[in-house]
Amino acid sequence: GKQRELVATMSGGGTTNYADSVKGRFTISRDNTKNTMYLRM
């Protein structure tokens, strides 16, 4: 029943940003060798 919202971003250089609702609880990361991005909640 809600609109899609952006909760975390990571730039190509590795800069991260988080929505206030998840800041301090969620962590975005990536492994370039595996072409995979993660969200630890």
Full PDB file with SEQRES, HELIX, SHEET, SSBOND, CRYST1, ORIGX, SCALE, CONECT and MASTER records, all heavy atoms in Angstrom:
SEQRES   1 A   41  GLY LYS GLN ARG GLU LEU VAL ALA THR MET SER GLY GLY          
SEQRES   2 A   41  GLY THR THR ASN TYR ALA ASP SER VAL LYS GLY ARG PHE          
SEQRES   3 A   41  THR ILE SER ARG ASP ASN THR LYS ASN THR MET TYR LEU          
SEQRES   4 A   41  ARG MET                                                      
HELIX    1 AA1 ASN A   32  LYS A   34  5                                   3    
SHEET    1 AA1 2 ALA A   8  MET A  10  0                                        
SHEET    2 AA1 2 THR A  16  TYR A  18 -1                                        
SHEET    1 AA2 2 THR A  27  ASP A  31  0                                        
SHEET    2 AA2 2 THR A  36  ARG A  40 -1                                        
CRYST1    1.000    1.000    1.000  90.00  90.00  90.00 P 1           1          
ORIGX1      1.000000  0.000000  0.000000        0.00000                         
ORIGX2      0.000000  1.000000  0.000000        0.00000                         
ORIGX3      0.000000  0.000000  1.000000        0.00000                         
SCALE1      1.000000  0.000000  0.000000        0.00000                         
SCALE2      0.000000  1.000000  0.000000        0.00000                         
SCALE3      0.000000  0.000000  1.000000        0.00000                         
ATOM      1  N   GLY A   1       0.774  -1.226   0.000  1.00  0.00           N  
ATOM      2  CA  GLY A   1       0.000   0.000   0.000  1.00  0.00           C  
ATOM      3  C   GLY A   1       0.806   1.277   0.000  1.00  0.00           C  
ATOM      4  O   GLY A   1       0.244   2.369   0.108  1.00  0.00           O  
ATOM      5  N   LYS A   2       2.115   1.153  -0.121  1.00  0.00           N  
ATOM      6  CA  LYS A   2       2.962   2.349  -0.097  1.00  0.00           C  
ATOM      7  C   LYS A   2       3.788   2.451  -1.367  1.00  0.00           C  
ATOM      8  O   LYS A   2       3.960   1.471  -2.088  1.00  0.00           O  
ATOM      9  CB  LYS A   2       3.892   2.314   1.121  1.00  0.00           C  
ATOM     10  CG  LYS A   2       3.157   2.402   2.443  1.00  0.00           C  
ATOM     11  CD  LYS A   2       4.138   2.540   3.592  1.00  0.00           C  
ATOM     12  CE  LYS A   2       3.421   2.695   4.921  1.00  0.00           C  
ATOM     13  NZ  LYS A   2       4.379   2.856   6.042  1.00  0.00           N  
ATOM     14  N   GLN A   3       4.300   3.626  -1.610  1.00  0.00           N  
ATOM     15  CA  GLN A   3       5.165   3.828  -2.769  1.00  0.00           C  
ATOM     16  C   GLN A   3       6.556   3.263  -2.502  1.00  0.00           C  
ATOM     17  O   GLN A   3       6.987   3.146  -1.357  1.00  0.00           O  
ATOM     18  CB  GLN A   3       5.265   5.324  -3.088  1.00  0.00           C  
ATOM     19  CG  GLN A   3       3.999   5.924  -3.670  1.00  0.00           C  
ATOM     20  CD  GLN A   3       4.226   7.321  -4.232  1.00  0.00           C  
ATOM     21  OE1 GLN A   3       5.132   8.033  -3.806  1.00  0.00           O  
ATOM     22  NE2 GLN A   3       3.416   7.713  -5.187  1.00  0.00           N  
ATOM     23  N   ARG A   4       7.220   2.917  -3.576  1.00  0.00           N  
ATOM     24  CA  ARG A   4       8.586   2.434  -3.459  1.00  0.00           C  
ATOM     25  C   ARG A   4       9.467   3.571  -2.949  1.00  0.00           C  
ATOM     26  O   ARG A   4       9.343   4.705  -3.396  1.00  0.00           O  
ATOM     27  CB  ARG A   4       9.072   1.941  -4.811  1.00  0.00           C  
ATOM     28  CG  ARG A   4      10.406   1.226  -4.795  1.00  0.00           C  
ATOM     29  CD  ARG A   4      10.661   0.635  -6.178  1.00  0.00           C  
ATOM     30  NE  ARG A   4       9.845  -0.541  -6.424  1.00  0.00           N  
ATOM     31  CZ  ARG A   4       9.445  -0.924  -7.628  1.00  0.00           C  
ATOM     32  NH1 ARG A   4       9.755  -0.206  -8.682  1.00  0.00           N  
ATOM     33  NH2 ARG A   4       8.719  -2.007  -7.764  1.00  0.00           N  
ATOM     34  N   GLU A   5      10.364   3.260  -2.015  1.00  0.00           N  
ATOM     35  CA  GLU A   5      11.248   4.276  -1.467  1.00  0.00           C  
ATOM     36  C   GLU A   5      12.696   3.810  -1.531  1.00  0.00           C  
ATOM     37  O   GLU A   5      12.990   2.621  -1.440  1.00  0.00           O  
ATOM     38  CB  GLU A   5      10.878   4.592  -0.001  1.00  0.00           C  
ATOM     39  CG  GLU A   5      11.035   3.439   0.965  1.00  0.00           C  
ATOM     40  CD  GLU A   5      10.871   3.858   2.413  1.00  0.00           C  
ATOM     41  OE1 GLU A   5      11.092   5.043   2.744  1.00  0.00           O  
ATOM     42  OE2 GLU A   5      10.567   2.969   3.241  1.00  0.00           O  
ATOM     43  N   LEU A   6      13.572   4.775  -1.670  1.00  0.00           N  
ATOM     44  CA  LEU A   6      15.003   4.517  -1.720  1.00  0.00           C  
ATOM     45  C   LEU A   6      15.535   4.506  -0.288  1.00  0.00           C  
ATOM     46  O   LEU A   6      15.327   5.476   0.449  1.00  0.00           O  
ATOM     47  CB  LEU A   6      15.697   5.604  -2.547  1.00  0.00           C  
ATOM     48  CG  LEU A   6      17.202   5.519  -2.720  1.00  0.00           C  
ATOM     49  CD1 LEU A   6      17.598   4.261  -3.464  1.00  0.00           C  
ATOM     50  CD2 LEU A   6      17.701   6.751  -3.465  1.00  0.00           C  
ATOM     51  N   VAL A   7      16.234   3.443   0.102  1.00  0.00           N  
ATOM     52  CA  VAL A   7      16.704   3.373   1.485  1.00  0.00           C  
ATOM     53  C   VAL A   7      18.220   3.494   1.629  1.00  0.00           C  
ATOM     54  O   VAL A   7      18.708   3.892   2.682  1.00  0.00           O  
ATOM     55  CB  VAL A   7      16.228   2.079   2.185  1.00  0.00           C  
ATOM     56  CG1 VAL A   7      14.708   2.051   2.267  1.00  0.00           C  
ATOM     57  CG2 VAL A   7      16.746   0.828   1.501  1.00  0.00           C  
ATOM     58  N   ALA A   8      18.963   3.150   0.581  1.00  0.00           N  
ATOM     59  CA  ALA A   8      20.422   3.237   0.683  1.00  0.00           C  
ATOM     60  C   ALA A   8      21.024   3.337  -0.710  1.00  0.00           C  
ATOM     61  O   ALA A   8      20.501   2.744  -1.653  1.00  0.00           O  
ATOM     62  CB  ALA A   8      20.992   2.015   1.397  1.00  0.00           C  
ATOM     63  N   THR A   9      22.099   4.087  -0.828  1.00  0.00           N  
ATOM     64  CA  THR A   9      22.813   4.206  -2.100  1.00  0.00           C  
ATOM     65  C   THR A   9      24.314   4.065  -1.884  1.00  0.00           C  
ATOM     66  O   THR A   9      24.836   4.329  -0.806  1.00  0.00           O  
ATOM     67  CB  THR A   9      22.552   5.545  -2.792  1.00  0.00           C  
ATOM     68  OG1 THR A   9      23.052   6.602  -1.958  1.00  0.00           O  
ATOM     69  CG2 THR A   9      21.076   5.764  -3.065  1.00  0.00           C  
ATOM     70  N   MET A  10      24.976   3.648  -2.967  1.00  0.00           N  
ATOM     71  CA  MET A  10      26.431   3.603  -2.978  1.00  0.00           C  
ATOM     72  C   MET A  10      26.901   4.083  -4.336  1.00  0.00           C  
ATOM     73  O   MET A  10      26.447   3.575  -5.365  1.00  0.00           O  
ATOM     74  CB  MET A  10      26.947   2.197  -2.689  1.00  0.00           C  
ATOM     75  CG  MET A  10      28.461   2.079  -2.816  1.00  0.00           C  
ATOM     76  SD  MET A  10      29.104   0.453  -2.347  1.00  0.00           S  
ATOM     77  CE  MET A  10      29.324   0.696  -0.585  1.00  0.00           C  
ATOM     78  N   SER A  11      27.805   5.036  -4.353  1.00  0.00           N  
ATOM     79  CA  SER A  11      28.343   5.546  -5.604  1.00  0.00           C  
ATOM     80  C   SER A  11      29.432   4.621  -6.134  1.00  0.00           C  
ATOM     81  O   SER A  11      29.906   3.723  -5.428  1.00  0.00           O  
ATOM     82  CB  SER A  11      28.912   6.941  -5.394  1.00  0.00           C  
ATOM     83  OG  SER A  11      30.129   6.855  -4.653  1.00  0.00           O  
ATOM     84  N   GLY A  12      29.849   4.881  -7.366  1.00  0.00           N  
ATOM     85  CA  GLY A  12      30.932   4.092  -7.914  1.00  0.00           C  
ATOM     86  C   GLY A  12      32.205   4.190  -7.086  1.00  0.00           C  
ATOM     87  O   GLY A  12      32.981   3.236  -6.985  1.00  0.00           O  
ATOM     88  N   GLY A  13      32.394   5.340  -6.456  1.00  0.00           N  
ATOM     89  CA  GLY A  13      33.564   5.543  -5.618  1.00  0.00           C  
ATOM     90  C   GLY A  13      33.427   5.021  -4.209  1.00  0.00           C  
ATOM     91  O   GLY A  13      34.370   5.092  -3.413  1.00  0.00           O  
ATOM     92  N   GLY A  14      32.234   4.533  -3.881  1.00  0.00           N  
ATOM     93  CA  GLY A  14      32.036   3.918  -2.575  1.00  0.00           C  
ATOM     94  C   GLY A  14      31.349   4.790  -1.543  1.00  0.00           C  
ATOM     95  O   GLY A  14      31.168   4.365  -0.393  1.00  0.00           O  
ATOM     96  N   THR A  15      30.935   5.991  -1.918  1.00  0.00           N  
ATOM     97  CA  THR A  15      30.227   6.858  -0.984  1.00  0.00           C  
ATOM     98  C   THR A  15      28.828   6.312  -0.742  1.00  0.00           C  
ATOM     99  O   THR A  15      28.123   5.953  -1.685  1.00  0.00           O  
ATOM    100  CB  THR A  15      30.127   8.284  -1.533  1.00  0.00           C  
ATOM    101  OG1 THR A  15      31.441   8.792  -1.748  1.00  0.00           O  
ATOM    102  CG2 THR A  15      29.401   9.187  -0.553  1.00  0.00           C  
ATOM    103  N   THR A  16      28.432   6.262   0.522  1.00  0.00           N  
ATOM    104  CA  THR A  16      27.129   5.700   0.880  1.00  0.00           C  
ATOM    105  C   THR A  16      26.219   6.765   1.491  1.00  0.00           C  
ATOM    106  O   THR A  16      26.683   7.730   2.099  1.00  0.00           O  
ATOM    107  CB  THR A  16      27.282   4.544   1.882  1.00  0.00           C  
ATOM    108  OG1 THR A  16      27.936   5.023   3.059  1.00  0.00           O  
ATOM    109  CG2 THR A  16      28.103   3.413   1.278  1.00  0.00           C  
ATOM    110  N   ASN A  17      24.937   6.554   1.290  1.00  0.00           N  
ATOM    111  CA  ASN A  17      23.928   7.398   1.904  1.00  0.00           C  
ATOM    112  C   ASN A  17      22.742   6.537   2.304  1.00  0.00           C  
ATOM    113  O   ASN A  17      22.462   5.517   1.653  1.00  0.00           O  
ATOM    114  CB  ASN A  17      23.464   8.507   0.951  1.00  0.00           C  
ATOM    115  CG  ASN A  17      24.452   9.645   0.884  1.00  0.00           C  
ATOM    116  OD1 ASN A  17      24.568  10.433   1.814  1.00  0.00           O  
ATOM    117  ND2 ASN A  17      25.171   9.729  -0.210  1.00  0.00           N  
ATOM    118  N   TYR A  18      22.052   6.965   3.358  1.00  0.00           N  
ATOM    119  CA  TYR A  18      20.943   6.181   3.883  1.00  0.00           C  
ATOM    120  C   TYR A  18      19.743   7.072   4.185  1.00  0.00           C  
ATOM    121  O   TYR A  18      19.888   8.237   4.565  1.00  0.00           O  
ATOM    122  CB  TYR A  18      21.362   5.468   5.169  1.00  0.00           C  
ATOM    123  CG  TYR A  18      22.521   4.528   4.987  1.00  0.00           C  
ATOM    124  CD1 TYR A  18      23.835   4.959   5.158  1.00  0.00           C  
ATOM    125  CD2 TYR A  18      22.298   3.204   4.617  1.00  0.00           C  
ATOM    126  CE1 TYR A  18      24.903   4.096   4.973  1.00  0.00           C  
ATOM    127  CE2 TYR A  18      23.356   2.332   4.432  1.00  0.00           C  
ATOM    128  CZ  TYR A  18      24.656   2.784   4.610  1.00  0.00           C  
ATOM    129  OH  TYR A  18      25.709   1.925   4.416  1.00  0.00           O  
ATOM    130  N   ALA A  19      18.578   6.490   4.031  1.00  0.00           N  
ATOM    131  CA  ALA A  19      17.369   7.159   4.483  1.00  0.00           C  
ATOM    132  C   ALA A  19      17.402   7.246   6.006  1.00  0.00           C  
ATOM    133  O   ALA A  19      17.972   6.366   6.675  1.00  0.00           O  
ATOM    134  CB  ALA A  19      16.139   6.390   4.025  1.00  0.00           C  
ATOM    135  N   ASP A  20      16.800   8.276   6.543  1.00  0.00           N  
ATOM    136  CA  ASP A  20      16.808   8.456   8.008  1.00  0.00           C  
ATOM    137  C   ASP A  20      16.209   7.251   8.727  1.00  0.00           C  
ATOM    138  O   ASP A  20      16.636   6.903   9.826  1.00  0.00           O  
ATOM    139  CB  ASP A  20      16.042   9.724   8.380  1.00  0.00           C  
ATOM    140  CG  ASP A  20      16.796  10.984   8.013  1.00  0.00           C  
ATOM    141  OD1 ASP A  20      18.011  10.907   7.758  1.00  0.00           O  
ATOM    142  OD2 ASP A  20      16.151  12.050   7.960  1.00  0.00           O  
ATOM    143  N   SER A  21      15.239   6.616   8.099  1.00  0.00           N  
ATOM    144  CA  SER A  21      14.541   5.508   8.738  1.00  0.00           C  
ATOM    145  C   SER A  21      15.416   4.286   8.945  1.00  0.00           C  
ATOM    146  O   SER A  21      15.095   3.425   9.768  1.00  0.00           O  
ATOM    147  CB  SER A  21      13.307   5.124   7.918  1.00  0.00           C  
ATOM    148  OG  SER A  21      13.675   4.766   6.604  1.00  0.00           O  
ATOM    149  N   VAL A  22      16.532   4.187   8.211  1.00  0.00           N  
ATOM    150  CA  VAL A  22      17.386   3.001   8.326  1.00  0.00           C  
ATOM    151  C   VAL A  22      18.801   3.342   8.760  1.00  0.00           C  
ATOM    152  O   VAL A  22      19.608   2.436   8.996  1.00  0.00           O  
ATOM    153  CB  VAL A  22      17.431   2.209   6.994  1.00  0.00           C  
ATOM    154  CG1 VAL A  22      16.018   1.879   6.524  1.00  0.00           C  
ATOM    155  CG2 VAL A  22      18.205   2.956   5.922  1.00  0.00           C  
ATOM    156  N   LYS A  23      19.098   4.608   8.872  1.00  0.00           N  
ATOM    157  CA  LYS A  23      20.453   5.039   9.219  1.00  0.00           C  
ATOM    158  C   LYS A  23      20.873   4.441  10.561  1.00  0.00           C  
ATOM    159  O   LYS A  23      20.121   4.488  11.535  1.00  0.00           O  
ATOM    160  CB  LYS A  23      20.505   6.566   9.261  1.00  0.00           C  
ATOM    161  CG  LYS A  23      21.889   7.168   9.195  1.00  0.00           C  
ATOM    162  CD  LYS A  23      21.810   8.678   9.038  1.00  0.00           C  
ATOM    163  CE  LYS A  23      21.209   9.068   7.712  1.00  0.00           C  
ATOM    164  NZ  LYS A  23      21.185  10.554   7.510  1.00  0.00           N  
ATOM    165  N   GLY A  24      22.062   3.883  10.587  1.00  0.00           N  
ATOM    166  CA  GLY A  24      22.563   3.257  11.794  1.00  0.00           C  
ATOM    167  C   GLY A  24      22.180   1.806  11.944  1.00  0.00           C  
ATOM    168  O   GLY A  24      22.724   1.095  12.801  1.00  0.00           O  
ATOM    169  N   ARG A  25      21.247   1.348  11.135  1.00  0.00           N  
ATOM    170  CA  ARG A  25      20.811  -0.049  11.206  1.00  0.00           C  
ATOM    171  C   ARG A  25      21.159  -0.838   9.952  1.00  0.00           C  
ATOM    172  O   ARG A  25      21.429  -2.033  10.022  1.00  0.00           O  
ATOM    173  CB  ARG A  25      19.294  -0.120  11.433  1.00  0.00           C  
ATOM    174  CG  ARG A  25      18.821   0.550  12.699  1.00  0.00           C  
ATOM    175  CD  ARG A  25      17.350   0.283  12.954  1.00  0.00           C  
ATOM    176  NE  ARG A  25      16.476   0.806  11.903  1.00  0.00           N  
ATOM    177  CZ  ARG A  25      15.652   0.057  11.169  1.00  0.00           C  
ATOM    178  NH1 ARG A  25      15.573  -1.237  11.375  1.00  0.00           N  
ATOM    179  NH2 ARG A  25      14.885   0.614  10.237  1.00  0.00           N  
ATOM    180  N   PHE A  26      21.134  -0.189   8.803  1.00  0.00           N  
ATOM    181  CA  PHE A  26      21.406  -0.843   7.523  1.00  0.00           C  
ATOM    182  C   PHE A  26      22.783  -0.417   7.015  1.00  0.00           C  
ATOM    183  O   PHE A  26      23.195   0.731   7.206  1.00  0.00           O  
ATOM    184  CB  PHE A  26      20.359  -0.467   6.479  1.00  0.00           C  
ATOM    185  CG  PHE A  26      18.987  -1.039   6.701  1.00  0.00           C  
ATOM    186  CD1 PHE A  26      18.637  -1.652   7.897  1.00  0.00           C  
ATOM    187  CD2 PHE A  26      18.037  -0.961   5.693  1.00  0.00           C  
ATOM    188  CE1 PHE A  26      17.370  -2.174   8.089  1.00  0.00           C  
ATOM    189  CE2 PHE A  26      16.764  -1.484   5.874  1.00  0.00           C  
ATOM    190  CZ  PHE A  26      16.434  -2.079   7.075  1.00  0.00           C  
ATOM    191  N   THR A  27      23.448  -1.342   6.316  1.00  0.00           N  
ATOM    192  CA  THR A  27      24.747  -1.056   5.717  1.00  0.00           C  
ATOM    193  C   THR A  27      24.773  -1.593   4.296  1.00  0.00           C  
ATOM    194  O   THR A  27      24.535  -2.787   4.079  1.00  0.00           O  
ATOM    195  CB  THR A  27      25.888  -1.684   6.520  1.00  0.00           C  
ATOM    196  OG1 THR A  27      25.845  -1.206   7.875  1.00  0.00           O  
ATOM    197  CG2 THR A  27      27.239  -1.310   5.910  1.00  0.00           C  
ATOM    198  N   ILE A  28      25.076  -0.712   3.355  1.00  0.00           N  
ATOM    199  CA  ILE A  28      25.200  -1.106   1.959  1.00  0.00           C  
ATOM    200  C   ILE A  28      26.673  -1.359   1.657  1.00  0.00           C  
ATOM    201  O   ILE A  28      27.555  -0.627   2.134  1.00  0.00           O  
ATOM    202  CB  ILE A  28      24.604  -0.037   1.017  1.00  0.00           C  
ATOM    203  CG1 ILE A  28      24.547  -0.522  -0.418  1.00  0.00           C  
ATOM    204  CG2 ILE A  28      25.354   1.282   1.134  1.00  0.00           C  
ATOM    205  CD1 ILE A  28      23.777   0.419  -1.350  1.00  0.00           C  
ATOM    206  N   SER A  29      26.952  -2.411   0.901  1.00  0.00           N  
ATOM    207  CA  SER A  29      28.328  -2.723   0.544  1.00  0.00           C  
ATOM    208  C   SER A  29      28.316  -3.463  -0.782  1.00  0.00           C  
ATOM    209  O   SER A  29      27.256  -3.771  -1.325  1.00  0.00           O  
ATOM    210  CB  SER A  29      29.000  -3.576   1.624  1.00  0.00           C  
ATOM    211  OG  SER A  29      28.339  -4.822   1.763  1.00  0.00           O  
ATOM    212  N   ARG A  30      29.507  -3.764  -1.298  1.00  0.00           N  
ATOM    213  CA  ARG A  30      29.561  -4.493  -2.560  1.00  0.00           C  
ATOM    214  C   ARG A  30      30.845  -5.286  -2.644  1.00  0.00           C  
ATOM    215  O   ARG A  30      31.826  -5.005  -1.956  1.00  0.00           O  
ATOM    216  CB  ARG A  30      29.447  -3.535  -3.746  1.00  0.00           C  
ATOM    217  CG  ARG A  30      30.676  -2.653  -3.945  1.00  0.00           C  
ATOM    218  CD  ARG A  30      30.485  -1.668  -5.053  1.00  0.00           C  
ATOM    219  NE  ARG A  30      31.716  -0.906  -5.283  1.00  0.00           N  
ATOM    220  CZ  ARG A  30      31.750   0.374  -5.567  1.00  0.00           C  
ATOM    221  NH1 ARG A  30      30.616   1.065  -5.677  1.00  0.00           N  
ATOM    222  NH2 ARG A  30      32.887   0.990  -5.764  1.00  0.00           N  
ATOM    223  N   ASP A  31      30.823  -6.283  -3.519  1.00  0.00           N  
ATOM    224  CA  ASP A  31      32.005  -7.080  -3.839  1.00  0.00           C  
ATOM    225  C   ASP A  31      32.145  -7.050  -5.352  1.00  0.00           C  
ATOM    226  O   ASP A  31      31.413  -7.748  -6.064  1.00  0.00           O  
ATOM    227  CB  ASP A  31      31.842  -8.506  -3.315  1.00  0.00           C  
ATOM    228  CG  ASP A  31      33.089  -9.351  -3.524  1.00  0.00           C  
ATOM    229  OD1 ASP A  31      33.893  -9.012  -4.409  1.00  0.00           O  
ATOM    230  OD2 ASP A  31      33.237 -10.359  -2.821  1.00  0.00           O  
ATOM    231  N   ASN A  32      33.055  -6.240  -5.849  1.00  0.00           N  
ATOM    232  CA  ASN A  32      33.198  -6.080  -7.292  1.00  0.00           C  
ATOM    233  C   ASN A  32      33.625  -7.380  -7.974  1.00  0.00           C  
ATOM    234  O   ASN A  32      33.304  -7.605  -9.144  1.00  0.00           O  
ATOM    235  CB  ASN A  32      34.199  -4.974  -7.606  1.00  0.00           C  
ATOM    236  CG  ASN A  32      33.672  -3.604  -7.232  1.00  0.00           C  
ATOM    237  OD1 ASN A  32      32.469  -3.349  -7.292  1.00  0.00           O  
ATOM    238  ND2 ASN A  32      34.572  -2.724  -6.841  1.00  0.00           N  
ATOM    239  N   THR A  33      34.325  -8.236  -7.260  1.00  0.00           N  
ATOM    240  CA  THR A  33      34.784  -9.497  -7.863  1.00  0.00           C  
ATOM    241  C   THR A  33      33.617 -10.449  -8.111  1.00  0.00           C  
ATOM    242  O   THR A  33      33.737 -11.378  -8.910  1.00  0.00           O  
ATOM    243  CB  THR A  33      35.819 -10.187  -6.974  1.00  0.00           C  
ATOM    244  OG1 THR A  33      35.203 -10.594  -5.752  1.00  0.00           O  
ATOM    245  CG2 THR A  33      36.994  -9.271  -6.690  1.00  0.00           C  
ATOM    246  N   LYS A  34      32.516 -10.220  -7.407  1.00  0.00           N  
ATOM    247  CA  LYS A  34      31.345 -11.089  -7.552  1.00  0.00           C  
ATOM    248  C   LYS A  34      30.179 -10.381  -8.229  1.00  0.00           C  
ATOM    249  O   LYS A  34      29.082 -10.942  -8.316  1.00  0.00           O  
ATOM    250  CB  LYS A  34      30.903 -11.598  -6.169  1.00  0.00           C  
ATOM    251  CG  LYS A  34      31.937 -12.464  -5.474  1.00  0.00           C  
ATOM    252  CD  LYS A  34      31.432 -12.953  -4.133  1.00  0.00           C  
ATOM    253  CE  LYS A  34      32.461 -13.843  -3.438  1.00  0.00           C  
ATOM    254  NZ  LYS A  34      31.985 -14.323  -2.126  1.00  0.00           N  
ATOM    255  N   ASN A  35      30.395  -9.146  -8.691  1.00  0.00           N  
ATOM    256  CA  ASN A  35      29.309  -8.353  -9.289  1.00  0.00           C  
ATOM    257  C   ASN A  35      28.094  -8.328  -8.365  1.00  0.00           C  
ATOM    258  O   ASN A  35      26.942  -8.440  -8.825  1.00  0.00           O  
ATOM    259  CB  ASN A  35      28.897  -8.929 -10.652  1.00  0.00           C  
ATOM    260  CG  ASN A  35      29.961  -8.727 -11.704  1.00  0.00           C  
ATOM    261  OD1 ASN A  35      30.969  -8.069 -11.464  1.00  0.00           O  
ATOM    262  ND2 ASN A  35      29.748  -9.312 -12.874  1.00  0.00           N  
ATOM    263  N   THR A  36      28.328  -8.189  -7.079  1.00  0.00           N  
ATOM    264  CA  THR A  36      27.245  -8.296  -6.107  1.00  0.00           C  
ATOM    265  C   THR A  36      27.287  -7.143  -5.126  1.00  0.00           C  
ATOM    266  O   THR A  36      28.352  -6.733  -4.654  1.00  0.00           O  
ATOM    267  CB  THR A  36      27.325  -9.630  -5.348  1.00  0.00           C  
ATOM    268  OG1 THR A  36      27.232 -10.713  -6.285  1.00  0.00           O  
ATOM    269  CG2 THR A  36      26.196  -9.761  -4.346  1.00  0.00           C  
ATOM    270  N   MET A  37      26.097  -6.641  -4.833  1.00  0.00           N  
ATOM    271  CA  MET A  37      25.914  -5.598  -3.836  1.00  0.00           C  
ATOM    272  C   MET A  37      25.098  -6.190  -2.699  1.00  0.00           C  
ATOM    273  O   MET A  37      24.261  -7.082  -2.925  1.00  0.00           O  
ATOM    274  CB  MET A  37      25.177  -4.408  -4.469  1.00  0.00           C  
ATOM    275  CG  MET A  37      24.902  -3.243  -3.558  1.00  0.00           C  
ATOM    276  SD  MET A  37      24.187  -1.854  -4.486  1.00  0.00           S  
ATOM    277  CE  MET A  37      22.546  -2.481  -4.834  1.00  0.00           C  
ATOM    278  N   TYR A  38      25.330  -5.699  -1.493  1.00  0.00           N  
ATOM    279  CA  TYR A  38      24.667  -6.258  -0.321  1.00  0.00           C  
ATOM    280  C   TYR A  38      23.944  -5.168   0.467  1.00  0.00           C  
ATOM    281  O   TYR A  38      24.282  -3.988   0.382  1.00  0.00           O  
ATOM    282  CB  TYR A  38      25.684  -6.933   0.599  1.00  0.00           C  
ATOM    283  CG  TYR A  38      26.508  -7.995  -0.068  1.00  0.00           C  
ATOM    284  CD1 TYR A  38      27.769  -7.708  -0.567  1.00  0.00           C  
ATOM    285  CD2 TYR A  38      26.012  -9.288  -0.227  1.00  0.00           C  
ATOM    286  CE1 TYR A  38      28.534  -8.677  -1.195  1.00  0.00           C  
ATOM    287  CE2 TYR A  38      26.760 -10.264  -0.851  1.00  0.00           C  
ATOM    288  CZ  TYR A  38      28.022  -9.953  -1.326  1.00  0.00           C  
ATOM    289  OH  TYR A  38      28.764 -10.921  -1.956  1.00  0.00           O  
ATOM    290  N   LEU A  39      22.981  -5.599   1.242  1.00  0.00           N  
ATOM    291  CA  LEU A  39      22.352  -4.724   2.221  1.00  0.00           C  
ATOM    292  C   LEU A  39      22.247  -5.513   3.526  1.00  0.00           C  
ATOM    293  O   LEU A  39      21.457  -6.456   3.626  1.00  0.00           O  
ATOM    294  CB  LEU A  39      20.960  -4.263   1.781  1.00  0.00           C  
ATOM    295  CG  LEU A  39      20.314  -3.235   2.718  1.00  0.00           C  
ATOM    296  CD1 LEU A  39      21.071  -1.902   2.649  1.00  0.00           C  
ATOM    297  CD2 LEU A  39      18.845  -3.012   2.346  1.00  0.00           C  
ATOM    298  N   ARG A  40      23.079  -5.136   4.470  1.00  0.00           N  
ATOM    299  CA  ARG A  40      23.033  -5.762   5.778  1.00  0.00           C  
ATOM    300  C   ARG A  40      22.033  -4.977   6.618  1.00  0.00           C  
ATOM    301  O   ARG A  40      22.155  -3.770   6.783  1.00  0.00           O  
ATOM    302  CB  ARG A  40      24.408  -5.736   6.442  1.00  0.00           C  
ATOM    303  CG  ARG A  40      24.433  -6.245   7.879  1.00  0.00           C  
ATOM    304  CD  ARG A  40      24.104  -7.716   7.983  1.00  0.00           C  
ATOM    305  NE  ARG A  40      24.220  -8.216   9.357  1.00  0.00           N  
ATOM    306  CZ  ARG A  40      23.970  -9.465   9.720  1.00  0.00           C  
ATOM    307  NH1 ARG A  40      23.579 -10.351   8.809  1.00  0.00           N  
ATOM    308  NH2 ARG A  40      24.106  -9.820  10.982  1.00  0.00           N  
ATOM    309  N   MET A  41      21.044  -5.694   7.150  1.00  0.00           N  
ATOM    310  CA  MET A  41      19.981  -5.060   7.915  1.00  0.00           C  
ATOM    311  C   MET A  41      19.988  -5.601   9.340  1.00  0.00           C  
ATOM    312  O   MET A  41      19.798  -6.808   9.545  1.00  0.00           O  
ATOM    313  CB  MET A  41      18.628  -5.328   7.250  1.00  0.00           C  
ATOM    314  CG  MET A  41      18.590  -4.932   5.784  1.00  0.00           C  
ATOM    315  SD  MET A  41      16.969  -5.147   5.038  1.00  0.00           S  
ATOM    316  CE  MET A  41      16.795  -6.920   5.136  1.00  0.00           C  
TER     317      MET A  41                                                      
MASTER        0    0    0    1    4    0    0    6  316    1    0    4          
END                                                                             
